[in-house]
Amino acid sequence: MKRLMIPLLLMASASAAAEQMRHSMHHGYFYGLQADALEYRYGDSGEELGYWSTEAWWGTDELKALWLSEAEYSFDHDSWETLDNRLALQTPVSDFIDLRGGLRFDTPDGENRQYAFVGLNGLLP
């Protein structure tokens, strides 16, 4: 399947704006929104799909609330192929690594579609 990537100047500008405005006037809390992918996919067979991967957060350097979303939508069937939403809390465990845990909800509905998760997130120098 070929991917037609929609240029996301919004991603770069939103990330830069989030850094500039990261400290709100309300007690050192900050917030942001990041879109890692926003795609329209058109396959050789004529299949049309939309895809996104986003992350929104609010909190302090010590504790953040996160909403992570990843989805694939079929325009042909007018339905979700996958839809993954995660609500999480994140706290640092070292200078470059964060501990992240929360709840994950996958739809379309079915059995065993709610999960709890715990993991590490970061970038090593």
Protein backbone atom coordinates (compact mmCIF):
# COMPACT_ATOMS: atom_id res chain seq x y z
CA MET A 1 0.00 0.00 0.00
CA LYS A 2 1.38 3.40 -0.95
CA ARG A 3 1.31 6.14 1.64
CA LEU A 4 0.59 9.74 0.85
CA MET A 5 2.01 11.59 3.83
CA ILE A 6 0.38 14.90 4.56
CA PRO A 7 3.16 17.34 5.50
CA LEU A 8 2.80 18.29 9.10
CA LEU A 9 4.25 21.70 9.63
CA LEU A 10 1.71 21.68 12.42
CA MET A 11 3.72 18.98 14.18
CA ALA A 12 6.92 21.02 14.18
CA SER A 13 5.19 24.29 15.01
CA ALA A 14 3.00 22.71 17.70
CA SER A 15 6.03 21.13 19.31
CA ALA A 16 7.93 24.44 19.22
CA ALA A 17 4.91 26.33 20.53
CA ALA A 18 4.49 23.78 23.31
CA GLU A 19 8.10 24.37 24.36
CA GLN A 20 7.64 28.14 24.33
CA MET A 21 4.40 27.98 26.28
CA ARG A 22 5.20 24.96 28.41
CA HIS A 23 4.95 26.82 31.71
CA SER A 24 1.46 28.06 32.19
CA MET A 25 0.64 30.74 34.68
CA HIS A 26 -1.06 28.15 36.86
CA HIS A 27 1.47 26.78 39.34
CA GLY A 28 4.08 25.43 36.94
CA TYR A 29 1.83 23.05 35.02
CA PHE A 30 2.47 22.62 31.34
CA TYR A 31 0.68 20.94 28.46
CA GLY A 32 1.23 19.92 24.88
CA LEU A 33 -0.04 18.10 21.85
CA GLN A 34 2.13 16.18 19.42
CA ALA A 35 1.04 14.48 16.20
CA ASP A 36 3.64 11.93 15.11
CA ALA A 37 1.66 10.89 12.04
CA LEU A 38 -1.35 12.07 10.09
CA GLU A 39 -1.63 10.06 6.89
CA TYR A 40 -3.96 9.32 4.02
CA ARG A 41 -3.20 5.92 2.45
CA TYR A 42 -4.36 4.87 -0.99
CA GLY A 43 -3.58 1.31 -2.08
CA ASP A 44 -3.15 -0.21 -5.52
CA SER A 45 -6.40 -2.12 -4.98
CA GLY A 46 -8.25 1.16 -4.41
CA GLU A 47 -8.39 0.82 -0.64
CA GLU A 48 -8.47 4.16 1.19
CA LEU A 49 -7.30 4.47 4.80
CA GLY A 50 -6.64 7.29 7.23
CA TYR A 51 -4.07 6.96 10.02
CA TRP A 52 -2.97 9.05 13.00
CA SER A 53 -0.70 8.77 16.00
CA THR A 54 -0.98 11.53 18.62
CA GLU A 55 -0.01 12.31 22.21
CA ALA A 56 -1.44 14.95 24.54
CA TRP A 57 -0.15 15.68 28.03
CA TRP A 58 -0.70 17.93 31.06
CA GLY A 59 1.21 18.11 34.31
CA THR A 60 4.55 18.93 35.89
CA ASP A 61 8.08 17.63 35.35
CA GLU A 62 7.48 15.14 38.16
CA LEU A 63 4.05 13.80 37.14
CA LYS A 64 2.21 14.02 33.81
CA ALA A 65 -1.19 12.80 32.69
CA LEU A 66 -1.08 11.48 29.12
CA TRP A 67 -3.60 10.63 26.44
CA LEU A 68 -2.08 8.60 23.61
CA SER A 69 -4.13 7.75 20.55
CA GLU A 70 -3.41 5.69 17.45
CA ALA A 71 -6.03 4.83 14.83
CA GLU A 72 -6.61 3.52 11.34
CA TYR A 73 -9.90 4.34 9.60
CA SER A 74 -11.26 2.65 6.46
CA PHE A 75 -13.04 5.11 4.19
CA ASP A 76 -14.25 2.21 2.03
CA HIS A 77 -16.12 0.52 4.89
CA ASP A 78 -16.79 3.73 6.85
CA SER A 79 -15.44 2.06 9.99
CA TRP A 80 -12.43 1.88 12.29
CA GLU A 81 -9.85 -0.77 11.43
CA THR A 82 -8.06 -0.09 14.74
CA LEU A 83 -8.52 2.49 17.46
CA ASP A 84 -6.15 2.46 20.43
CA ASN A 85 -6.52 4.99 23.26
CA ARG A 86 -4.30 4.99 26.34
CA LEU A 87 -4.69 7.05 29.49
CA ALA A 88 -1.49 7.08 31.52
CA LEU A 89 0.56 8.69 34.25
CA GLN A 90 4.26 9.30 33.71
CA THR A 91 7.03 10.07 36.20
CA PRO A 92 10.82 10.24 35.73
CA VAL A 93 13.04 7.47 37.11
CA SER A 94 16.30 8.97 35.77
CA ASP A 95 17.44 11.92 33.66
CA PHE A 96 16.46 10.22 30.40
CA ILE A 97 13.94 7.49 31.34
CA ASP A 98 10.32 7.83 32.47
CA LEU A 99 8.07 5.23 34.06
CA ARG A 100 4.69 5.13 32.36
CA GLY A 101 1.59 3.19 33.37
CA GLY A 102 -2.13 3.31 32.82
CA LEU A 103 -5.10 1.85 30.98
CA ARG A 104 -5.45 0.97 27.30
CA PHE A 105 -8.76 0.75 25.45
CA ASP A 106 -8.95 -0.86 22.01
CA THR A 107 -12.02 -0.59 19.80
CA PRO A 108 -13.97 -1.80 17.83
CA ASP A 109 -15.46 -3.57 20.82
CA GLY A 110 -14.72 -7.19 21.49
CA GLU A 111 -13.54 -9.46 24.26
CA ASN A 112 -10.41 -8.53 26.24
CA ARG A 113 -10.20 -5.04 24.81
CA GLN A 114 -9.20 -3.23 28.03
CA TYR A 115 -5.69 -3.57 29.35
CA ALA A 116 -3.50 -2.20 32.12
CA PHE A 117 0.09 -1.46 31.13
CA VAL A 118 3.39 -0.42 32.72
CA GLY A 119 6.55 0.44 30.82
CA LEU A 120 9.62 2.59 30.43
CA ASN A 121 9.84 5.44 27.96
CA GLY A 122 12.88 7.47 27.04
CA LEU A 123 15.88 8.16 24.90
CA LEU A 124 19.36 7.21 26.02
CA PRO A 125 22.18 9.70 25.42
